[in-house]
C-alpha atoms as a PDB file:
ATOM      1  CA  UNK A   1      15.221 -71.817-102.732  1.00  0.00           C
ATOM      2  CA  UNK A   2      18.090 -72.643-105.127  1.00  0.00           C
ATOM      3  CA  UNK A   3      18.421 -70.491-107.656  1.00  0.00           C
ATOM      4  CA  UNK A   4      18.667 -72.510-111.123  1.00  0.00           C
ATOM      5  CA  UNK A   5      20.179 -71.416-114.482  1.00  0.00           C
ATOM      6  CA  UNK A   6      16.772 -71.458-115.788  1.00  0.00           C
ATOM      7  CA  UNK A   7      15.703 -68.302-114.995  1.00  0.00           C
ATOM      8  CA  UNK A   8      18.300 -66.061-113.685  1.00  0.00           C
ATOM      9  CA  UNK A   9      21.252 -64.465-114.984  1.00  0.00           C
ATOM     10  CA  UNK A  10      24.773 -61.931-115.112  1.00  0.00           C
ATOM     11  CA  UNK A  11      24.187 -58.464-116.345  1.00  0.00           C
ATOM     12  CA  UNK A  12      27.572 -57.769-117.500  1.00  0.00           C
ATOM     13  CA  UNK A  13      27.503 -60.417-120.229  1.00  0.00           C
ATOM     14  CA  UNK A  14      24.253 -58.764-122.050  1.00  0.00           C
ATOM     15  CA  UNK A  15      23.765 -54.924-123.605  1.00  0.00           C
ATOM     16  CA  UNK A  16      22.556 -52.565-120.659  1.00  0.00           C
ATOM     17  CA  UNK A  17      19.129 -52.232-122.278  1.00  0.00           C
ATOM     18  CA  UNK A  18      15.859 -50.554-120.455  1.00  0.00           C
ATOM     19  CA  UNK A  19      14.124 -53.440-122.401  1.00  0.00           C
ATOM     20  CA  UNK A  20      15.845 -56.073-120.612  1.00  0.00           C
ATOM     21  CA  UNK A  21      15.330 -55.254-117.393  1.00  0.00           C
ATOM     22  CA  UNK A  22      11.487 -54.346-117.625  1.00  0.00           C
ATOM     23  CA  UNK A  23      11.228 -57.894-119.609  1.00  0.00           C
ATOM     24  CA  UNK A  24      12.427 -59.283-116.364  1.00  0.00           C
ATOM     25  CA  UNK A  25      10.504 -57.673-114.092  1.00  0.00           C
ATOM     26  CA  UNK A  26       7.264 -58.511-116.116  1.00  0.00           C
ATOM     27  CA  UNK A  27       8.683 -62.737-116.305  1.00  0.00           C
ATOM     28  CA  UNK A  28       9.861 -62.825-113.284  1.00  0.00           C
ATOM     29  CA  UNK A  29      13.347 -63.486-114.538  1.00  0.00           C
ATOM     30  CA  UNK A  30      16.004 -62.531-111.804  1.00  0.00           C
ATOM     31  CA  UNK A  31      18.624 -60.905-112.168  1.00  0.00           C
ATOM     32  CA  UNK A  32      22.427 -59.948-110.690  1.00  0.00           C
ATOM     33  CA  UNK A  33      23.726 -56.754-111.996  1.00  0.00           C
ATOM     34  CA  UNK A  34      27.005 -56.602-112.688  1.00  0.00           C
ATOM     35  CA  UNK A  35      29.726 -53.776-112.836  1.00  0.00           C
ATOM     36  CA  UNK A  36      31.560 -54.250-115.713  1.00  0.00           C
ATOM     37  CA  UNK A  37      35.002 -55.196-113.866  1.00  0.00           C
ATOM     38  CA  UNK A  38      36.716 -57.933-115.642  1.00  0.00           C
ATOM     39  CA  UNK A  39      40.318 -58.029-116.368  1.00  0.00           C
ATOM     40  CA  UNK A  40      41.850 -57.424-112.981  1.00  0.00           C
ATOM     41  CA  UNK A  41      44.619 -59.543-112.998  1.00  0.00           C
ATOM     42  CA  UNK A  42      48.216 -59.716-114.436  1.00  0.00           C
ATOM     43  CA  UNK A  43      47.885 -61.994-116.469  1.00  0.00           C
ATOM     44  CA  UNK A  44      46.126 -65.094-116.720  1.00  0.00           C
ATOM     45  CA  UNK A  45      49.501 -67.398-116.737  1.00  0.00           C
ATOM     46  CA  UNK A  46      50.903 -65.328-114.058  1.00  0.00           C
ATOM     47  CA  UNK A  47      48.180 -65.737-111.458  1.00  0.00           C
ATOM     48  CA  UNK A  48      48.438 -69.323-111.903  1.00  0.00           C
ATOM     49  CA  UNK A  49      51.945 -69.471-111.543  1.00  0.00           C
ATOM     50  CA  UNK A  50      52.286 -67.513-108.502  1.00  0.00           C
ATOM     51  CA  UNK A  51      49.511 -69.602-107.008  1.00  0.00           C
ATOM     52  CA  UNK A  52      51.748 -72.797-108.039  1.00  0.00           C
ATOM     53  CA  UNK A  53      54.923 -71.379-106.698  1.00  0.00           C
ATOM     54  CA  UNK A  54      56.313 -71.637-109.648  1.00  0.00           C
ATOM     55  CA  UNK A  55      56.311 -67.531-110.468  1.00  0.00           C
ATOM     56  CA  UNK A  56      56.780 -65.052-108.495  1.00  0.00           C
ATOM     57  CA  UNK A  57      53.693 -63.326-106.718  1.00  0.00           C
ATOM     58  CA  UNK A  58      52.532 -59.473-108.960  1.00  0.00           C
ATOM     59  CA  UNK A  59      49.700 -57.879-107.246  1.00  0.00           C
ATOM     60  CA  UNK A  60      47.160 -55.888-109.189  1.00  0.00           C
ATOM     61  CA  UNK A  61      45.843 -53.675-106.689  1.00  0.00           C
ATOM     62  CA  UNK A  62      49.075 -52.397-105.127  1.00  0.00           C
ATOM     63  CA  UNK A  63      50.168 -49.872-108.563  1.00  0.00           C
ATOM     64  CA  UNK A  64      50.553 -46.460-108.602  1.00  0.00           C
ATOM     65  CA  UNK A  65      47.358 -46.326-110.820  1.00  0.00           C
ATOM     66  CA  UNK A  66      45.299 -47.974-108.656  1.00  0.00           C
ATOM     67  CA  UNK A  67      43.544 -44.984-106.868  1.00  0.00           C
ATOM     68  CA  UNK A  68      42.331 -43.678-110.178  1.00  0.00           C
ATOM     69  CA  UNK A  69      41.217 -47.558-110.977  1.00  0.00           C
ATOM     70  CA  UNK A  70      38.832 -47.433-107.894  1.00  0.00           C
ATOM     71  CA  UNK A  71      37.640 -43.944-108.573  1.00  0.00           C
ATOM     72  CA  UNK A  72      36.748 -44.932-111.529  1.00  0.00           C
ATOM     73  CA  UNK A  73      34.946 -48.045-110.451  1.00  0.00           C
ATOM     74  CA  UNK A  74      32.975 -46.320-108.108  1.00  0.00           C
ATOM     75  CA  UNK A  75      31.723 -43.966-110.604  1.00  0.00           C
ATOM     76  CA  UNK A  76      30.812 -47.181-112.627  1.00  0.00           C
ATOM     77  CA  UNK A  77      29.359 -48.852-109.465  1.00  0.00           C
ATOM     78  CA  UNK A  78      27.166 -45.819-108.458  1.00  0.00           C
ATOM     79  CA  UNK A  79      26.110 -45.612-112.243  1.00  0.00           C
ATOM     80  CA  UNK A  80      25.039 -48.796-112.412  1.00  0.00           C
ATOM     81  CA  UNK A  81      23.066 -49.097-109.090  1.00  0.00           C
ATOM     82  CA  UNK A  82      21.321 -45.406-109.860  1.00  0.00           C
ATOM     83  CA  UNK A  83      19.773 -46.847-112.791  1.00  0.00           C
ATOM     84  CA  UNK A  84      18.700 -50.505-112.064  1.00  0.00           C
ATOM     85  CA  UNK A  85      17.673 -50.035-108.000  1.00  0.00           C
ATOM     86  CA  UNK A  86      14.159 -49.913-108.572  1.00  0.00           C
ATOM     87  CA  UNK A  87      13.986 -52.645-110.690  1.00  0.00           C
ATOM     88  CA  UNK A  88      11.879 -55.705-109.354  1.00  0.00           C
ATOM     89  CA  UNK A  89      14.091 -58.481-111.288  1.00  0.00           C
ATOM     90  CA  UNK A  90      17.861 -57.084-109.611  1.00  0.00           C
ATOM     91  CA  UNK A  91      18.136 -59.402-107.208  1.00  0.00           C
ATOM     92  CA  UNK A  92      21.866 -58.661-106.167  1.00  0.00           C
ATOM     93  CA  UNK A  93      24.993 -56.440-107.235  1.00  0.00           C
ATOM     94  CA  UNK A  94      27.894 -58.358-108.075  1.00  0.00           C
ATOM     95  CA  UNK A  95      30.833 -55.495-107.836  1.00  0.00           C
ATOM     96  CA  UNK A  96      33.517 -57.635-109.931  1.00  0.00           C
ATOM     97  CA  UNK A  97      34.590 -60.439-112.361  1.00  0.00           C
ATOM     98  CA  UNK A  98      37.035 -62.876-111.603  1.00  0.00           C
ATOM     99  CA  UNK A  99      39.925 -60.263-109.732  1.00  0.00           C
ATOM    100  CA  UNK A 100      43.172 -61.597-108.869  1.00  0.00           C
ATOM    101  CA  UNK A 101      42.223 -61.236-105.323  1.00  0.00           C
ATOM    102  CA  UNK A 102      45.012 -63.059-103.491  1.00  0.00           C
ATOM    103  CA  UNK A 103      47.765 -60.220-102.724  1.00  0.00           C
ATOM    104  CA  UNK A 104      47.954 -57.625 -99.865  1.00  0.00           C
ATOM    105  CA  UNK A 105      45.945 -54.885-101.562  1.00  0.00           C
ATOM    106  CA  UNK A 106      42.974 -56.444-102.449  1.00  0.00           C
ATOM    107  CA  UNK A 107      40.928 -55.747 -99.177  1.00  0.00           C
ATOM    108  CA  UNK A 108      42.128 -52.110 -99.272  1.00  0.00           C
ATOM    109  CA  UNK A 109      40.410 -51.874-102.902  1.00  0.00           C
ATOM    110  CA  UNK A 110      37.181 -54.215-101.879  1.00  0.00           C
ATOM    111  CA  UNK A 111      36.263 -52.720 -98.998  1.00  0.00           C
ATOM    112  CA  UNK A 112      35.162 -48.957-100.356  1.00  0.00           C
ATOM    113  CA  UNK A 113      33.492 -50.593-103.407  1.00  0.00           C
ATOM    114  CA  UNK A 114      31.045 -53.028-101.125  1.00  0.00           C
ATOM    115  CA  UNK A 115      30.912 -50.521 -98.392  1.00  0.00           C
ATOM    116  CA  UNK A 116      29.991 -47.980-101.348  1.00  0.00           C
ATOM    117  CA  UNK A 117      26.630 -50.513-102.746  1.00  0.00           C
ATOM    118  CA  UNK A 118      24.989 -50.537 -99.013  1.00  0.00           C
ATOM    119  CA  UNK A 119      25.132 -46.524 -99.046  1.00  0.00           C
ATOM    120  CA  UNK A 120      23.727 -46.525-102.360  1.00  0.00           C
ATOM    121  CA  UNK A 121      21.321 -49.428-102.166  1.00  0.00           C
ATOM    122  CA  UNK A 122      18.427 -48.056 -99.668  1.00  0.00           C
ATOM    123  CA  UNK A 123      16.995 -52.103 -99.905  1.00  0.00           C
ATOM    124  CA  UNK A 124      20.604 -53.186 -98.969  1.00  0.00           C
ATOM    125  CA  UNK A 125      20.521 -56.182-101.810  1.00  0.00           C
ATOM    126  CA  UNK A 126      23.358 -59.026-101.383  1.00  0.00           C
ATOM    127  CA  UNK A 127      26.624 -57.756-103.088  1.00  0.00           C
ATOM    128  CA  UNK A 128      28.953 -60.826-104.234  1.00  0.00           C
ATOM    129  CA  UNK A 129      31.501 -60.950-107.293  1.00  0.00           C
ATOM    130  CA  UNK A 130      32.688 -63.715-109.614  1.00  0.00           C
ATOM    131  CA  UNK A 131      35.939 -65.716-108.314  1.00  0.00           C
ATOM    132  CA  UNK A 132      38.495 -67.079-110.794  1.00  0.00           C
ATOM    133  CA  UNK A 133      39.452 -70.460-110.766  1.00  0.00           C
ATOM    134  CA  UNK A 134      42.708 -69.633-109.031  1.00  0.00           C
ATOM    135  CA  UNK A 135      41.651 -67.827-106.422  1.00  0.00           C
ATOM    136  CA  UNK A 136      40.947 -69.983-103.319  1.00  0.00           C
ATOM    137  CA  UNK A 137      39.059 -70.472 -99.971  1.00  0.00           C
ATOM    138  CA  UNK A 138      42.973 -70.721 -98.582  1.00  0.00           C
ATOM    139  CA  UNK A 139      44.117 -67.373-100.406  1.00  0.00           C
ATOM    140  CA  UNK A 140      41.009 -65.245-101.112  1.00  0.00           C
ATOM    141  CA  UNK A 141      41.295 -62.220 -99.344  1.00  0.00           C
ATOM    142  CA  UNK A 142      38.301 -60.295-101.142  1.00  0.00           C
ATOM    143  CA  UNK A 143      35.739 -63.269-100.520  1.00  0.00           C
ATOM    144  CA  UNK A 144      35.319 -61.673 -96.698  1.00  0.00           C
ATOM    145  CA  UNK A 145      33.773 -58.828 -98.216  1.00  0.00           C
ATOM    146  CA  UNK A 146      30.714 -61.321-100.032  1.00  0.00           C
ATOM    147  CA  UNK A 147      27.531 -61.714 -98.820  1.00  0.00           C
ATOM    148  CA  UNK A 148      27.210 -65.076-101.352  1.00  0.00           C
ATOM    149  CA  UNK A 149      29.795 -66.461-102.780  1.00  0.00           C
ATOM    150  CA  UNK A 150      30.049 -66.790-106.472  1.00  0.00           C
ATOM    151  CA  UNK A 151      32.406 -69.331-108.180  1.00  0.00           C
ATOM    152  CA  UNK A 152      33.378 -69.653-111.944  1.00  0.00           C
ATOM    153  CA  UNK A 153      35.109 -73.212-112.116  1.00  0.00           C
ATOM    154  CA  UNK A 154      35.972 -75.494-114.836  1.00  0.00           C
ATOM    155  CA  UNK A 155      36.766 -78.597-113.398  1.00  0.00           C
ATOM    156  CA  UNK A 156      37.200 -81.155-116.076  1.00  0.00           C
ATOM    157  CA  UNK A 157      37.264 -78.514-118.717  1.00  0.00           C
ATOM    158  CA  UNK A 158      40.603 -75.788-118.116  1.00  0.00           C
ATOM    159  CA  UNK A 159      41.767 -78.412-115.053  1.00  0.00           C
ATOM    160  CA  UNK A 160      42.134 -81.978-115.005  1.00  0.00           C
ATOM    161  CA  UNK A 161      40.318 -81.979-118.683  1.00  0.00           C
ATOM    162  CA  UNK A 162      39.865 -85.142-121.107  1.00  0.00           C
ATOM    163  CA  UNK A 163      41.450 -88.340-119.248  1.00  0.00           C
ATOM    164  CA  UNK A 164      42.005 -85.937-116.244  1.00  0.00           C
ATOM    165  CA  UNK A 165      38.437 -86.413-115.544  1.00  0.00           C
ATOM    166  CA  UNK A 166      38.800 -88.984-113.492  1.00  0.00           C
ATOM    167  CA  UNK A 167      40.414 -87.084-110.694  1.00  0.00           C
ATOM    168  CA  UNK A 168      38.497 -83.826-111.109  1.00  0.00           C
ATOM    169  CA  UNK A 169      35.667 -84.792-109.494  1.00  0.00           C
ATOM    170  CA  UNK A 170      38.071 -85.112-106.440  1.00  0.00           C
ATOM    171  CA  UNK A 171      39.735 -82.121-106.900  1.00  0.00           C
ATOM    172  CA  UNK A 172      37.090 -80.346-106.981  1.00  0.00           C
ATOM    173  CA  UNK A 173      34.969 -81.666-103.859  1.00  0.00           C
ATOM    174  CA  UNK A 174      38.990 -80.909-101.530  1.00  0.00           C
ATOM    175  CA  UNK A 175      38.183 -77.289-102.983  1.00  0.00           C
ATOM    176  CA  UNK A 176      34.396 -77.068-101.930  1.00  0.00           C
ATOM    177  CA  UNK A 177      35.595 -78.805 -98.316  1.00  0.00           C
ATOM    178  CA  UNK A 178      37.937 -75.943 -97.989  1.00  0.00           C
ATOM    179  CA  UNK A 179      35.253 -72.971 -98.822  1.00  0.00           C
ATOM    180  CA  UNK A 180      32.881 -75.409 -96.483  1.00  0.00           C
ATOM    181  CA  UNK A 181      35.277 -73.884 -93.837  1.00  0.00           C
ATOM    182  CA  UNK A 182      35.446 -69.984 -94.256  1.00  0.00           C
ATOM    183  CA  UNK A 183      31.166 -69.487 -95.325  1.00  0.00           C
ATOM    184  CA  UNK A 184      30.046 -68.951 -91.568  1.00  0.00           C
ATOM    185  CA  UNK A 185      26.336 -70.025 -93.131  1.00  0.00           C
ATOM    186  CA  UNK A 186      26.891 -67.893 -96.324  1.00  0.00           C
ATOM    187  CA  UNK A 187      24.979 -69.317 -99.479  1.00  0.00           C
ATOM    188  CA  UNK A 188      27.064 -70.023-102.852  1.00  0.00           C
ATOM    189  CA  UNK A 189      26.022 -70.094-106.574  1.00  0.00           C
ATOM    190  CA  UNK A 190      27.922 -71.090-109.336  1.00  0.00           C
ATOM    191  CA  UNK A 191      27.899 -68.492-111.754  1.00  0.00           C
ATOM    192  CA  UNK A 192      29.872 -69.873-114.643  1.00  0.00           C
ATOM    193  CA  UNK A 193      30.843 -73.704-115.387  1.00  0.00           C
ATOM    194  CA  UNK A 194      30.924 -75.144-118.675  1.00  0.00           C
ATOM    195  CA  UNK A 195      33.046 -77.049-121.577  1.00  0.00           C
ATOM    196  CA  UNK A 196      33.137 -76.489-125.296  1.00  0.00           C
ATOM    197  CA  UNK A 197      31.305 -78.431-127.673  1.00  0.00           C
ATOM    198  CA  UNK A 198      30.982 -79.040-130.345  1.00  0.00           C
ATOM    199  CA  UNK A 199      27.198 -79.793-132.013  1.00  0.00           C
ATOM    200  CA  UNK A 200      28.518 -82.186-134.708  1.00  0.00           C
ATOM    201  CA  UNK A 201      31.019 -84.321-132.537  1.00  0.00           C
ATOM    202  CA  UNK A 202      30.098 -87.555-131.315  1.00  0.00           C
ATOM    203  CA  UNK A 203      32.833 -90.197-129.744  1.00  0.00           C
ATOM    204  CA  UNK A 204      32.055 -93.225-127.229  1.00  0.00           C
ATOM    205  CA  UNK A 205      34.367 -93.575-125.469  1.00  0.00           C
ATOM    206  CA  UNK A 206      33.768 -89.363-125.043  1.00  0.00           C
ATOM    207  CA  UNK A 207      36.474 -87.238-125.511  1.00  0.00           C
ATOM    208  CA  UNK A 208      36.747 -83.288-124.871  1.00  0.00           C
ATOM    209  CA  UNK A 209      34.444 -81.414-127.350  1.00  0.00           C
ATOM    210  CA  UNK A 210      31.843 -84.249-127.847  1.00  0.00           C
ATOM    211  CA  UNK A 211      28.525 -83.683-127.041  1.00  0.00           C
ATOM    212  CA  UNK A 212      29.170 -87.447-124.666  1.00  0.00           C
ATOM    213  CA  UNK A 213      31.733 -85.558-122.867  1.00  0.00           C
ATOM    214  CA  UNK A 214      30.090 -82.271-122.589  1.00  0.00           C
ATOM    215  CA  UNK A 215      27.055 -84.359-120.634  1.00  0.00           C
ATOM    216  CA  UNK A 216      29.259 -86.443-118.828  1.00  0.00           C
ATOM    217  CA  UNK A 217      31.237 -82.782-117.153  1.00  0.00           C
ATOM    218  CA  UNK A 218      27.734 -81.756-116.493  1.00  0.00           C
ATOM    219  CA  UNK A 219      26.711 -85.091-114.543  1.00  0.00           C
ATOM    220  CA  UNK A 220      29.895 -84.772-112.304  1.00  0.00           C
ATOM    221  CA  UNK A 221      29.521 -80.531-111.379  1.00  0.00           C
ATOM    222  CA  UNK A 222      26.061 -81.690-110.434  1.00  0.00           C
ATOM    223  CA  UNK A 223      26.814 -84.376-108.464  1.00  0.00           C
ATOM    224  CA  UNK A 224      29.349 -81.837-106.400  1.00  0.00           C
ATOM    225  CA  UNK A 225      26.723 -79.286-106.552  1.00  0.00           C
ATOM    226  CA  UNK A 226      24.012 -81.464-105.092  1.00  0.00           C
ATOM    227  CA  UNK A 227      26.274 -82.496-102.335  1.00  0.00           C
ATOM    228  CA  UNK A 228      26.761 -79.610-100.478  1.00  0.00           C
ATOM    229  CA  UNK A 229      23.572 -77.918 -98.887  1.00  0.00           C
ATOM    230  CA  UNK A 230      25.477 -74.348 -98.774  1.00  0.00           C
ATOM    231  CA  UNK A 231      25.106 -74.393-103.076  1.00  0.00           C
ATOM    232  CA  UNK A 232      21.868 -72.650-103.501  1.00  0.00           C
ATOM    233  CA  UNK A 233      22.504 -72.059-107.427  1.00  0.00           C
ATOM    234  CA  UNK A 234      23.850 -72.929-110.845  1.00  0.00           C
ATOM    235  CA  UNK A 235      24.508 -70.742-113.780  1.00  0.00           C
ATOM    236  CA  UNK A 236      26.094 -72.565-116.435  1.00  0.00           C
ATOM    237  CA  UNK A 237      28.544 -71.412-119.226  1.00  0.00           C
ATOM    238  CA  UNK A 238      26.241 -70.467-121.634  1.00  0.00           C
ATOM    239  CA  UNK A 239      22.941 -70.657-123.105  1.00  0.00           C
ATOM    240  CA  UNK A 240      24.207 -70.452-126.480  1.00  0.00           C
ATOM    241  CA  UNK A 241      27.422 -70.703-128.479  1.00  0.00           C
ATOM    242  CA  UNK A 242      29.150 -67.121-129.392  1.00  0.00           C
ATOM    243  CA  UNK A 243      31.705 -65.183-131.686  1.00  0.00           C
ATOM    244  CA  UNK A 244      35.139 -64.644-130.136  1.00  0.00           C
ATOM    245  CA  UNK A 245      38.743 -63.708-132.036  1.00  0.00           C
ATOM    246  CA  UNK A 246      40.630 -66.021-133.555  1.00  0.00           C
ATOM    247  CA  UNK A 247      42.846 -68.190-131.422  1.00  0.00           C
ATOM    248  CA  UNK A 248      44.028 -71.504-130.494  1.00  0.00           C
ATOM    249  CA  UNK A 249      41.723 -71.993-127.770  1.00  0.00           C
ATOM    250  CA  UNK A 250      38.354 -71.533-129.622  1.00  0.00           C
ATOM    251  CA  UNK A 251      36.994 -73.424-132.504  1.00  0.00           C
ATOM    252  CA  UNK A 252      35.070 -70.214-134.516  1.00  0.00           C
ATOM    253  CA  UNK A 253      33.781 -68.968-131.275  1.00  0.00           C
ATOM    254  CA  UNK A 254      33.172 -69.540-127.884  1.00  0.00           C
ATOM    255  CA  UNK A 255      31.429 -73.310-127.875  1.00  0.00           C
ATOM    256  CA  UNK A 256      30.359 -74.030-124.521  1.00  0.00           C
ATOM    257  CA  UNK A 257      26.691 -72.946-125.526  1.00  0.00           C
ATOM    258  CA  UNK A 258      23.523 -75.490-124.321  1.00  0.00           C
ATOM    259  CA  UNK A 259      22.524 -74.497-127.894  1.00  0.00           C
ATOM    260  CA  UNK A 260      23.980 -73.739-131.004  1.00  0.00           C
ATOM    261  CA  UNK A 261      24.657 -70.205-132.432  1.00  0.00           C
ATOM    262  CA  UNK A 262      21.624 -70.844-134.265  1.00  0.00           C
ATOM    263  CA  UNK A 263      19.970 -71.757-131.053  1.00  0.00           C
ATOM    264  CA  UNK A 264      19.363 -75.069-131.961  1.00  0.00           C
ATOM    265  CA  UNK A 265      19.648 -77.818-129.118  1.00  0.00           C
ATOM    266  CA  UNK A 266      22.699 -79.506-128.226  1.00  0.00           C
ATOM    267  CA  UNK A 267      22.372 -82.713-126.330  1.00  0.00           C
ATOM    268  CA  UNK A 268      23.044 -81.023-123.226  1.00  0.00           C
ATOM    269  CA  UNK A 269      20.019 -78.973-123.726  1.00  0.00           C
ATOM    270  CA  UNK A 270      17.980 -82.007-123.057  1.00  0.00           C
ATOM    271  CA  UNK A 271      19.965 -83.197-120.097  1.00  0.00           C
ATOM    272  CA  UNK A 272      19.367 -79.664-118.274  1.00  0.00           C
ATOM    273  CA  UNK A 273      15.646 -79.716-118.901  1.00  0.00           C
ATOM    274  CA  UNK A 274      15.544 -83.142-117.183  1.00  0.00           C
ATOM    275  CA  UNK A 275      17.749 -81.834-114.495  1.00  0.00           C
ATOM    276  CA  UNK A 276      15.343 -78.841-114.023  1.00  0.00           C
ATOM    277  CA  UNK A 277      12.178 -80.371-114.916  1.00  0.00           C
ATOM    278  CA  UNK A 278      12.045 -83.258-112.564  1.00  0.00           C
ATOM    279  CA  UNK A 279      12.253 -80.745-109.355  1.00  0.00           C
ATOM    280  CA  UNK A 280       8.819 -79.840-107.766  1.00  0.00           C
ATOM    281  CA  UNK A 281       7.516 -76.372-108.184  1.00  0.00           C
ATOM    282  CA  UNK A 282       7.436 -76.044-103.849  1.00  0.00           C
ATOM    283  CA  UNK A 283      11.099 -77.832-104.184  1.00  0.00           C
ATOM    284  CA  UNK A 284      13.273 -75.918-101.655  1.00  0.00           C
ATOM    285  CA  UNK A 285      16.797 -76.711-101.682  1.00  0.00           C
END
């Protein structure tokens, strides 16, 4: 059965409230419970430069502080699983969010965490982690531990955005072909994909930040998802616009929502409704 974004979400981006889990249990929502382990990289620019061969690789998990970090990480994982393991809505554990996992120390850091998750959970729920854009099938040293692969991908936005959209789909498919060679029967889901969009902007031909561009971006991504049988879920980033700190990357907050911050639908909301309601009730991906 394909998991689609209408009824599944990751909890690292929501308040940890008992009421949320109870609601999910009662209403049939599915939760991928994620440890708040975010920002495990020296810097995005360093990671990107090293992967492109233009910078010196700097590992994240090879520092003298790593043992203490691992100790704290184990404690956070233990507390999360102990707290949430009896909720029927929790279907999987996410161990990290977008770590720099291409250096030699990755395996030694990841393995005890993934082992601990199985040790603590008598039901042995599947384990995963959100894989950042620069971690690819040929260089990701952490993906081997995941029971299913979770990708955060932004082809057509952060990568090959704007006029580059014409080449984004081909690049995306090239990466997916690489993943097909290392999955070994495991499923994949997309835990993030999206494009910032201002609800006031309309333009043809489309440009970035327009609602027309957001729909074209989504169409391209969905074509790729639907072309690979091992893709079993899609979680768009994000449900609604939200406030962030000031900066040149954001127009008064993150605008990747399919709804505005006031919960008014953008065109993309109707786009998703048409996609999801077209599936028969007994649909199996």
